């Protein structure tokens, strides 16, 4: 049954109430037509609850807009949702990616995440290429997908809205990685499920790193909004040292937008529930709205929190990651890089959930604190303990 308008409705009942189910919910393909966004294909999802979000077919199959009953959830930066033709991946010393960075979800990878890095290219066995230069957060978010399907699937009286696409990141004498993404949401619900498969289609041994940059904006993020997570250890902070308390912005409570603010990044170690899932959320108690991100610890062992409280760029990022914030070089040195041989694959799952009302916020907080109670001090002592990942052994023991 589809839960719409406070009632459980059968497929027959809904069909009798309108000429098309699209009156209530559905998925449709559209194309943006102006400015730097011209030509970008979007899939618009409406679930019938007031949840609406768009999937950018031509931008890594990422999620752009997201709103609930007229309240924005996904972050819009000044760049807009530019066509990938305008991407400047190699520009500005590796920071050109920031000129297209916007939306609820920006996927980072497939062979690199975090800050710029130049790695040896010997694994590609090509004399003309000594190194590979990586810009910030990799290429995948600015690559167009091949749309393989979308629509509605009925199982009896239950309807699932879905889409699927394939994004290829490939070059001659280099990586040939493929991302297949499927997004599903049941009509009458506020829960988006995303499933990714990354495969090495090439025959070179290729590095793999992956991160979901989940960006939540105002009004969910506002003065007094709370970050909730089952934090067992606060590992690291980019602003550690003399400036740790300098901006007086703790990890767990958000300030109002500030005219001058230097971004803060934290790495947290999260606990899991009995099924291996790690939830985190940002909640606005005053408005009774929140957004929860739930990922698998065995897929994303690391979690980053990005606070950008700068006026005009006001956003909180929740970031499940395959690797520590230490970056590409450290992953290699520590033996933690994921290497994919031909045909090797990695699977990733995440759930995005709108928390609508005080009861759902309270239930999410109960789930989270039932796993682990996060530090009450907004400036907790940092452990700088980055646990070994992916079966790596400490340096010097191999």
Protein backbone atom coordinates (compact mmCIF):
# COMPACT_ATOMS: atom_id res chain seq x y z
CA UNK A 1 0.00 0.00 0.00
CA UNK A 2 1.14 3.56 -0.70
CA UNK A 3 0.94 5.87 2.31
CA UNK A 4 -0.43 9.12 0.87
CA UNK A 5 -2.27 11.96 2.58
CA UNK A 6 -2.54 10.10 5.87
CA UNK A 7 -4.13 7.00 4.34
CA UNK A 8 -2.96 3.64 3.05
CA UNK A 9 -3.97 3.62 -0.60
CA UNK A 10 -4.11 0.66 -3.00
CA UNK A 11 -2.99 0.91 -6.60
CA UNK A 12 -6.58 0.53 -7.73
CA UNK A 13 -7.80 3.26 -5.39
CA UNK A 14 -5.13 5.68 -6.62
CA UNK A 15 -5.90 4.83 -10.25
CA UNK A 16 -9.58 5.61 -9.63
CA UNK A 17 -8.67 9.00 -8.12
CA UNK A 18 -6.74 10.42 -11.11
CA UNK A 19 -6.00 9.87 -14.76
CA UNK A 20 -2.31 9.20 -14.01
CA UNK A 21 -0.24 8.28 -10.98
CA UNK A 22 2.02 11.20 -11.93
CA UNK A 23 -0.57 13.46 -10.31
CA UNK A 24 0.71 12.16 -6.98
CA UNK A 25 4.27 10.94 -7.51
CA UNK A 26 6.69 9.86 -10.21
CA UNK A 27 9.95 10.33 -12.11
CA UNK A 28 10.33 12.43 -15.23
CA UNK A 29 13.23 13.40 -17.46
CA UNK A 30 13.83 17.08 -18.21
CA UNK A 31 16.62 19.26 -19.54
CA UNK A 32 17.84 22.60 -18.19
CA UNK A 33 17.86 25.30 -20.84
CA UNK A 34 19.69 28.46 -19.81
CA UNK A 35 23.10 29.81 -18.83
CA UNK A 36 25.88 27.47 -17.79
CA UNK A 37 23.28 24.81 -16.90
CA UNK A 38 22.01 24.55 -20.48
CA UNK A 39 21.83 20.97 -21.69
CA UNK A 40 22.06 19.24 -18.30
CA UNK A 41 19.53 16.40 -18.10
CA UNK A 42 17.70 15.97 -14.80
CA UNK A 43 15.48 13.24 -13.43
CA UNK A 44 12.89 14.81 -11.13
CA UNK A 45 11.55 12.58 -8.33
CA UNK A 46 8.34 13.38 -6.42
CA UNK A 47 7.35 10.87 -3.75
CA UNK A 48 3.91 12.23 -2.85
CA UNK A 49 4.93 13.30 0.65
CA UNK A 50 6.31 16.70 -0.30
CA UNK A 51 9.79 15.28 -0.98
CA UNK A 52 11.22 16.38 -4.31
CA UNK A 53 14.76 15.84 -5.59
CA UNK A 54 16.57 15.88 -8.92
CA UNK A 55 19.28 13.56 -10.24
CA UNK A 56 21.81 15.10 -12.64
CA UNK A 57 22.21 12.54 -15.42
CA UNK A 58 25.02 14.58 -16.96
CA UNK A 59 26.83 15.31 -13.70
CA UNK A 60 27.91 11.94 -12.33
CA UNK A 61 24.30 10.90 -11.57
CA UNK A 62 24.55 13.06 -8.44
CA UNK A 63 21.62 14.66 -6.61
CA UNK A 64 21.22 18.38 -7.21
CA UNK A 65 18.09 19.88 -5.65
CA UNK A 66 16.35 18.37 -2.65
CA UNK A 67 13.41 19.91 -0.80
CA UNK A 68 10.62 18.87 1.52
CA UNK A 69 7.28 20.69 1.55
CA UNK A 70 8.90 23.82 0.21
CA UNK A 71 11.88 23.75 2.60
CA UNK A 72 15.28 23.44 0.95
CA UNK A 73 17.53 20.59 2.11
CA UNK A 74 20.20 20.37 -0.59
CA UNK A 75 22.79 23.14 -0.83
CA UNK A 76 22.98 25.44 -3.84
CA UNK A 77 26.34 27.14 -4.33
CA UNK A 78 26.86 30.24 -6.50
CA UNK A 79 28.13 28.06 -9.37
CA UNK A 80 24.77 26.56 -10.29
CA UNK A 81 24.51 23.08 -11.79
CA UNK A 82 26.87 23.69 -14.70
CA UNK A 83 27.11 21.52 -17.77
CA UNK A 84 30.21 19.28 -17.58
CA UNK A 85 31.59 21.04 -20.67
CA UNK A 86 32.41 23.95 -18.35
CA UNK A 87 34.28 21.83 -15.80
CA UNK A 88 37.82 23.03 -15.14
CA UNK A 89 39.29 19.93 -13.55
CA UNK A 90 42.93 20.87 -14.14
CA UNK A 91 42.44 24.59 -13.58
CA UNK A 92 43.55 26.88 -10.76
CA UNK A 93 46.22 24.59 -9.45
CA UNK A 94 43.77 21.77 -8.93
CA UNK A 95 40.93 23.82 -7.41
CA UNK A 96 38.93 24.20 -10.63
CA UNK A 97 36.47 21.57 -9.32
CA UNK A 98 35.12 24.23 -6.96
CA UNK A 99 33.67 26.11 -9.95
CA UNK A 100 31.05 23.36 -10.46
CA UNK A 101 30.60 22.24 -6.83
CA UNK A 102 26.92 22.40 -5.84
CA UNK A 103 23.99 20.20 -4.82
CA UNK A 104 22.96 17.73 -2.14
CA UNK A 105 25.37 15.02 -3.32
CA UNK A 106 28.72 15.47 -5.02
CA UNK A 107 30.45 12.11 -5.51
CA UNK A 108 34.23 12.17 -5.16
CA UNK A 109 36.53 9.62 -6.84
CA UNK A 110 36.93 7.25 -8.58
CA UNK A 111 40.71 7.06 -8.26
CA UNK A 112 41.28 10.07 -6.00
CA UNK A 113 39.58 12.09 -3.23
CA UNK A 114 40.52 15.06 -1.04
CA UNK A 115 43.30 17.52 -1.87
CA UNK A 116 45.52 17.60 -4.94
CA UNK A 117 48.20 14.97 -5.38
CA UNK A 118 50.64 13.86 -8.05
CA UNK A 119 51.26 10.11 -8.00
CA UNK A 120 53.73 7.90 -9.87
CA UNK A 121 52.19 6.42 -13.04
CA UNK A 122 54.35 3.30 -13.30
CA UNK A 123 51.29 1.04 -12.82
CA UNK A 124 50.04 2.22 -16.25
CA UNK A 125 53.17 0.99 -18.06
CA UNK A 126 53.36 3.93 -20.46
CA UNK A 127 56.69 5.69 -21.07
CA UNK A 128 54.99 8.97 -21.98
CA UNK A 129 53.39 9.33 -18.57
CA UNK A 130 55.61 9.55 -15.50
CA UNK A 131 52.95 10.84 -13.11
CA UNK A 132 49.21 11.33 -12.75
CA UNK A 133 48.09 14.73 -11.47
CA UNK A 134 44.93 14.71 -9.37
CA UNK A 135 42.88 17.81 -8.69
CA UNK A 136 40.70 18.13 -5.60
CA UNK A 137 38.14 15.32 -5.16
CA UNK A 138 38.62 13.58 -8.50
CA UNK A 139 36.80 13.59 -11.84
CA UNK A 140 33.59 11.59 -11.43
CA UNK A 141 31.22 14.41 -10.41
CA UNK A 142 31.72 16.18 -13.76
CA UNK A 143 31.32 13.21 -16.08
CA UNK A 144 28.01 12.53 -17.89
CA UNK A 145 26.21 9.25 -17.38
CA UNK A 146 24.61 6.91 -19.85
CA UNK A 147 21.00 6.71 -18.69
CA UNK A 148 20.02 3.03 -18.64
CA UNK A 149 16.53 3.38 -17.18
CA UNK A 150 14.06 5.13 -14.92
CA UNK A 151 10.40 4.97 -13.93
CA UNK A 152 7.94 3.30 -11.58
CA UNK A 153 7.91 -0.32 -10.45
CA UNK A 154 4.78 -1.73 -8.87
CA UNK A 155 4.93 -4.78 -6.60
CA UNK A 156 1.30 -5.36 -5.80
CA UNK A 157 0.15 -2.15 -4.12
CA UNK A 158 3.68 -0.87 -3.41
CA UNK A 159 5.35 1.53 -5.85
CA UNK A 160 9.10 2.15 -6.13
CA UNK A 161 10.45 5.11 -8.08
CA UNK A 162 13.88 4.36 -9.55
CA UNK A 163 16.61 5.35 -11.95
CA UNK A 164 19.91 3.85 -13.05
CA UNK A 165 22.90 5.12 -14.98
CA UNK A 166 26.48 4.25 -15.86
CA UNK A 167 29.37 6.73 -15.62
CA UNK A 168 32.72 5.92 -17.21
CA UNK A 169 36.02 7.46 -16.10
CA UNK A 170 38.57 6.34 -18.66
CA UNK A 171 41.60 7.35 -20.68
CA UNK A 172 44.13 5.71 -22.98
CA UNK A 173 47.16 4.43 -21.01
CA UNK A 174 45.42 5.09 -17.69
CA UNK A 175 42.41 4.24 -15.58
CA UNK A 176 39.24 2.64 -16.99
CA UNK A 177 36.80 2.70 -14.10
CA UNK A 178 33.03 2.42 -14.33
CA UNK A 179 30.37 3.50 -11.85
CA UNK A 180 26.87 2.01 -12.03
CA UNK A 181 24.44 3.89 -9.80
CA UNK A 182 20.87 2.97 -8.89
CA UNK A 183 18.63 5.29 -6.86
CA UNK A 184 15.33 4.10 -5.39
CA UNK A 185 12.63 5.65 -3.23
CA UNK A 186 9.24 4.19 -2.37
CA UNK A 187 6.26 6.37 -3.15
CA UNK A 188 4.77 7.76 0.04
CA UNK A 189 8.10 7.81 1.89
CA UNK A 190 10.97 10.20 2.62
CA UNK A 191 13.81 7.68 2.31
CA UNK A 192 16.19 7.69 -0.66
CA UNK A 193 18.35 4.60 -1.21
CA UNK A 194 21.47 4.76 -3.34
CA UNK A 195 23.47 1.72 -4.48
CA UNK A 196 26.77 2.05 -6.36
CA UNK A 197 29.03 -0.48 -8.03
CA UNK A 198 32.55 0.59 -9.10
CA UNK A 199 34.35 -1.79 -11.48
CA UNK A 200 37.79 -1.75 -13.09
CA UNK A 201 37.03 -2.39 -16.76
CA UNK A 202 40.66 -1.92 -17.75
CA UNK A 203 43.69 -4.18 -17.47
CA UNK A 204 45.92 -1.88 -15.42
CA UNK A 205 46.11 -2.21 -11.67
CA UNK A 206 44.31 0.98 -10.64
CA UNK A 207 43.93 2.89 -7.35
CA UNK A 208 40.42 3.50 -6.02
CA UNK A 209 39.19 6.05 -3.46
CA UNK A 210 35.58 7.09 -2.85
CA UNK A 211 33.67 9.69 -0.85
CA UNK A 212 30.09 10.97 -0.72
CA UNK A 213 30.09 14.77 -0.22
CA UNK A 214 26.56 15.23 1.20
CA UNK A 215 25.82 18.94 1.47
CA UNK A 216 22.88 20.21 3.54
CA UNK A 217 21.95 23.88 3.52
CA UNK A 218 19.55 26.38 5.06
CA UNK A 219 16.96 26.17 6.57
CA UNK A 220 17.94 22.73 7.89
CA UNK A 221 21.30 24.27 8.73
CA UNK A 222 20.71 27.37 10.83
CA UNK A 223 21.88 28.93 14.08
CA UNK A 224 21.43 26.26 16.76
CA UNK A 225 21.11 23.29 14.36
CA UNK A 226 22.67 20.15 15.85
CA UNK A 227 24.97 17.56 14.30
CA UNK A 228 24.21 14.08 15.64
CA UNK A 229 26.40 11.00 15.22
CA UNK A 230 27.47 7.91 17.23
CA UNK A 231 30.97 9.31 17.69
CA UNK A 232 33.35 7.01 19.56
CA UNK A 233 36.43 9.15 18.85
CA UNK A 234 37.11 12.59 17.40
CA UNK A 235 40.20 11.76 15.39
CA UNK A 236 41.32 14.98 13.74
CA UNK A 237 40.45 18.59 12.99
CA UNK A 238 41.90 20.75 10.22
CA UNK A 239 41.90 23.76 12.56
CA UNK A 240 43.66 21.97 15.44
CA UNK A 241 46.38 23.74 17.38
CA UNK A 242 46.33 27.35 18.43
CA UNK A 243 43.19 28.08 16.40
CA UNK A 244 41.16 25.09 17.64
CA UNK A 245 38.73 27.33 19.52
CA UNK A 246 39.61 30.49 17.63
CA UNK A 247 36.36 30.74 15.66
CA UNK A 248 34.30 29.44 18.60
CA UNK A 249 32.40 27.02 16.37
CA UNK A 250 32.05 23.56 17.93
CA UNK A 251 31.57 20.41 15.89
CA UNK A 252 28.05 19.79 17.18
CA UNK A 253 26.15 23.12 17.12
CA UNK A 254 26.00 25.42 14.10
CA UNK A 255 26.32 29.23 14.24
CA UNK A 256 24.52 31.74 12.02
CA UNK A 257 26.28 32.65 8.75
CA UNK A 258 29.42 34.71 9.26
CA UNK A 259 30.90 37.37 7.01
CA UNK A 260 34.35 35.89 7.57
CA UNK A 261 34.81 32.18 8.27
CA UNK A 262 37.55 29.64 7.54
CA UNK A 263 36.13 26.20 6.78
CA UNK A 264 36.46 23.56 9.50
CA UNK A 265 36.86 19.86 8.75
CA UNK A 266 36.65 17.10 11.36
CA UNK A 267 37.21 13.36 11.17
CA UNK A 268 35.06 11.24 13.45
CA UNK A 269 35.18 7.55 14.26
CA UNK A 270 31.59 6.26 14.28
CA UNK A 271 30.05 3.24 15.92
CA UNK A 272 27.60 0.93 14.13
CA UNK A 273 24.27 -0.69 14.82
CA UNK A 274 23.85 -4.46 14.87
CA UNK A 275 23.73 -4.60 11.08
CA UNK A 276 26.88 -2.57 10.48
CA UNK A 277 25.25 0.78 9.61
CA UNK A 278 26.50 4.16 10.86
CA UNK A 279 23.93 7.00 10.97
CA UNK A 280 24.53 10.74 11.27
CA UNK A 281 22.18 13.70 10.96
CA UNK A 282 21.78 17.46 11.04
CA UNK A 283 18.58 18.62 12.74
CA UNK A 284 16.80 21.94 13.18
CA UNK A 285 14.67 21.53 16.30
CA UNK A 286 12.97 24.91 15.92
CA UNK A 287 11.58 24.08 12.47
CA UNK A 288 11.17 20.36 13.16
CA UNK A 289 13.20 19.29 10.13
CA UNK A 290 16.33 17.19 9.78
CA UNK A 291 18.32 15.11 7.32
CA UNK A 292 19.95 11.76 8.11
CA UNK A 293 22.75 9.97 6.24
CA UNK A 294 23.24 6.27 6.93
CA UNK A 295 26.22 4.38 5.47
CA UNK A 296 27.92 1.03 5.98
CA UNK A 297 31.06 1.00 8.10
CA UNK A 298 32.57 -1.89 6.12
CA UNK A 299 32.26 0.19 2.94
CA UNK A 300 33.01 3.64 4.37
CA UNK A 301 35.24 3.20 7.44
CA UNK A 302 35.90 6.97 7.75
CA UNK A 303 33.56 9.92 8.33
CA UNK A 304 34.30 13.58 7.75
CA UNK A 305 32.29 16.63 8.83
CA UNK A 306 32.66 19.83 6.81
CA UNK A 307 31.53 23.10 8.37
CA UNK A 308 31.45 26.03 5.95
CA UNK A 309 29.65 28.73 7.88
CA UNK A 310 30.76 31.45 5.48
CA UNK A 311 27.99 33.87 4.49
CA UNK A 312 26.91 33.11 0.93
CA UNK A 313 28.33 29.58 1.11
CA UNK A 314 26.51 28.40 4.24
CA UNK A 315 26.53 24.59 4.38
CA UNK A 316 27.25 21.50 6.46
CA UNK A 317 28.85 18.50 4.76
CA UNK A 318 28.44 14.91 5.99
CA UNK A 319 30.99 12.72 4.23
CA UNK A 320 31.30 8.92 4.39
CA UNK A 321 34.74 8.03 2.99
CA UNK A 322 36.80 5.00 2.08
CA UNK A 323 39.95 6.74 3.35
CA UNK A 324 41.23 8.98 6.11
CA UNK A 325 41.39 12.74 5.69
CA UNK A 326 45.18 12.28 5.47
CA UNK A 327 44.73 11.83 1.72
CA UNK A 328 46.15 9.98 -1.26
CA UNK A 329 49.83 10.02 -0.33
CA UNK A 330 49.17 8.74 3.19
CA UNK A 331 46.92 5.97 1.82
CA UNK A 332 49.82 4.75 -0.30
CA UNK A 333 52.42 5.09 2.45
CA UNK A 334 50.24 3.32 5.03
CA UNK A 335 49.37 0.47 2.65
CA UNK A 336 45.70 1.50 2.70
CA UNK A 337 45.12 2.29 -0.95
CA UNK A 338 42.42 0.16 -2.57
CA UNK A 339 43.88 -1.40 -5.73
CA UNK A 340 41.51 -2.81 -8.33
CA UNK A 341 42.65 -5.41 -10.84
CA UNK A 342 40.69 -6.11 -14.03
CA UNK A 343 37.10 -7.00 -13.13
CA UNK A 344 37.47 -6.14 -9.45
CA UNK A 345 34.53 -4.24 -8.00
CA UNK A 346 33.48 -2.39 -4.87
CA UNK A 347 29.87 -1.90 -3.77
CA UNK A 348 28.53 1.04 -1.78
CA UNK A 349 25.18 1.73 -0.14
CA UNK A 350 23.79 4.80 1.55
CA UNK A 351 20.38 5.90 2.81
CA UNK A 352 19.24 9.53 2.86
CA UNK A 353 16.28 10.20 5.12
CA UNK A 354 14.24 13.35 5.72
CA UNK A 355 13.35 13.72 9.39
CA UNK A 356 9.93 15.37 9.35
CA UNK A 357 8.81 16.64 12.73
CA UNK A 358 9.93 16.41 16.34
CA UNK A 359 8.96 12.73 16.69
CA UNK A 360 11.16 11.63 13.78
CA UNK A 361 14.04 13.77 15.03
CA UNK A 362 13.69 12.22 18.48
CA UNK A 363 13.59 8.71 17.01
CA UNK A 364 16.74 9.35 14.98
CA UNK A 365 18.53 10.75 18.02
CA UNK A 366 17.50 7.69 20.02
CA UNK A 367 18.88 5.38 17.31
CA UNK A 368 22.14 7.30 17.23
CA UNK A 369 22.70 7.56 20.98
CA UNK A 370 21.76 3.88 21.30
CA UNK A 371 24.92 3.10 19.34
CA UNK A 372 27.22 5.60 21.06
CA UNK A 373 26.80 8.87 22.92
CA UNK A 374 28.75 11.60 21.20
CA UNK A 375 31.01 14.01 23.14
CA UNK A 376 29.11 16.79 24.90
CA UNK A 377 32.12 19.09 24.64
CA UNK A 378 31.98 20.82 21.27
CA UNK A 379 35.78 20.97 21.22
CA UNK A 380 36.72 17.43 22.28
CA UNK A 381 40.29 16.28 22.70
CA UNK A 382 41.62 14.99 19.39
CA UNK A 383 43.14 11.51 19.40
CA UNK A 384 45.01 11.72 16.05
CA UNK A 385 44.47 7.97 15.96
CA UNK A 386 43.77 6.98 12.35
CA UNK A 387 43.04 3.23 12.53
CA UNK A 388 44.51 0.98 9.82
CA UNK A 389 42.12 0.52 6.89
CA UNK A 390 41.31 -2.20 4.35
CA UNK A 391 43.45 -4.79 6.10
CA UNK A 392 46.58 -2.66 5.92
CA UNK A 393 49.54 -3.48 8.12
CA UNK A 394 51.57 -0.80 9.91
CA UNK A 395 54.51 0.54 7.93
CA UNK A 396 57.64 -1.50 8.44
CA UNK A 397 55.82 -4.80 9.14
CA UNK A 398 55.55 -5.87 5.49
